[in-house]
Amino acid sequence: MDKKKIMNWIIAIIVAIVYLTVSIIFKSWAYSWLIWVSYAIYRFIVK
């Protein structure tokens, strides 16, 4: 894998960990989708 693909995977894993952490700690699964929306916007801008 090249460096860009590895970095994309690392960012995706970090986002998933943050998502689960926020969801479990605050018990707000309904609002935690905002994390994924921000990640999607980030991916759209970077790509």
C-alpha atoms as a PDB file:
ATOM      1  CA  MET A   1       0.000   0.000   0.000  1.00  0.00           C
ATOM      2  CA  ASP A   2       1.131   3.490  -0.618  1.00  0.00           C
ATOM      3  CA  LYS A   3       1.368   6.101   2.089  1.00  0.00           C
ATOM      4  CA  LYS A   4      -1.931   7.830   1.172  1.00  0.00           C
ATOM      5  CA  LYS A   5      -3.992   4.627   1.482  1.00  0.00           C
ATOM      6  CA  ILE A   6      -2.424   3.785   4.836  1.00  0.00           C
ATOM      7  CA  MET A   7      -3.164   7.308   6.102  1.00  0.00           C
ATOM      8  CA  ASN A   8      -6.787   7.007   4.928  1.00  0.00           C
ATOM      9  CA  TRP A   9      -7.181   3.752   6.860  1.00  0.00           C
ATOM     10  CA  ILE A  10      -5.641   5.260   9.987  1.00  0.00           C
ATOM     11  CA  ILE A  11      -8.009   8.251   9.814  1.00  0.00           C
ATOM     12  CA  ALA A  12     -11.015   5.959   9.257  1.00  0.00           C
ATOM     13  CA  ILE A  13     -10.084   3.820  12.270  1.00  0.00           C
ATOM     14  CA  ILE A  14      -9.584   6.896  14.473  1.00  0.00           C
ATOM     15  CA  VAL A  15     -12.987   8.239  13.412  1.00  0.00           C
ATOM     16  CA  ALA A  16     -14.598   4.873  14.238  1.00  0.00           C
ATOM     17  CA  ILE A  17     -12.969   4.808  17.681  1.00  0.00           C
ATOM     18  CA  VAL A  18     -14.055   8.396  18.404  1.00  0.00           C
ATOM     19  CA  TYR A  19     -17.579   7.555  17.227  1.00  0.00           C
ATOM     20  CA  LEU A  20     -17.868   4.547  19.519  1.00  0.00           C
ATOM     21  CA  THR A  21     -16.312   6.379  22.459  1.00  0.00           C
ATOM     22  CA  VAL A  22     -18.651   9.378  22.174  1.00  0.00           C
ATOM     23  CA  SER A  23     -21.661   7.145  21.643  1.00  0.00           C
ATOM     24  CA  ILE A  24     -20.944   4.931  24.642  1.00  0.00           C
ATOM     25  CA  ILE A  25     -19.879   7.678  27.057  1.00  0.00           C
ATOM     26  CA  PHE A  26     -22.717  10.085  26.280  1.00  0.00           C
ATOM     27  CA  LYS A  27     -25.235   7.369  25.315  1.00  0.00           C
ATOM     28  CA  SER A  28     -26.266   9.529  22.402  1.00  0.00           C
ATOM     29  CA  TRP A  29     -26.274   7.232  19.403  1.00  0.00           C
ATOM     30  CA  ALA A  30     -28.798   9.485  17.682  1.00  0.00           C
ATOM     31  CA  TYR A  31     -26.481  12.493  17.629  1.00  0.00           C
ATOM     32  CA  SER A  32     -23.196  10.715  17.051  1.00  0.00           C
ATOM     33  CA  TRP A  33     -23.973  10.513  13.318  1.00  0.00           C
ATOM     34  CA  LEU A  34     -22.611  14.074  13.186  1.00  0.00           C
ATOM     35  CA  ILE A  35     -19.142  12.570  13.550  1.00  0.00           C
ATOM     36  CA  TRP A  36     -19.688  10.518  10.400  1.00  0.00           C
ATOM     37  CA  VAL A  37     -21.105  13.517   8.525  1.00  0.00           C
ATOM     38  CA  SER A  38     -18.040  15.586   9.401  1.00  0.00           C
ATOM     39  CA  TYR A  39     -15.809  12.693   8.320  1.00  0.00           C
ATOM     40  CA  ALA A  40     -17.676  12.397   5.011  1.00  0.00           C
ATOM     41  CA  ILE A  41     -17.266  16.126   4.377  1.00  0.00           C
ATOM     42  CA  TYR A  42     -13.565  15.844   5.207  1.00  0.00           C
ATOM     43  CA  ARG A  43     -13.166  12.927   2.784  1.00  0.00           C
ATOM     44  CA  PHE A  44     -14.997  14.864   0.053  1.00  0.00           C
ATOM     45  CA  ILE A  45     -12.728  17.899   0.497  1.00  0.00           C
ATOM     46  CA  VAL A  46      -9.497  15.904   0.673  1.00  0.00           C
ATOM     47  CA  LYS A  47     -10.357  13.698  -2.288  1.00  0.00           C
END
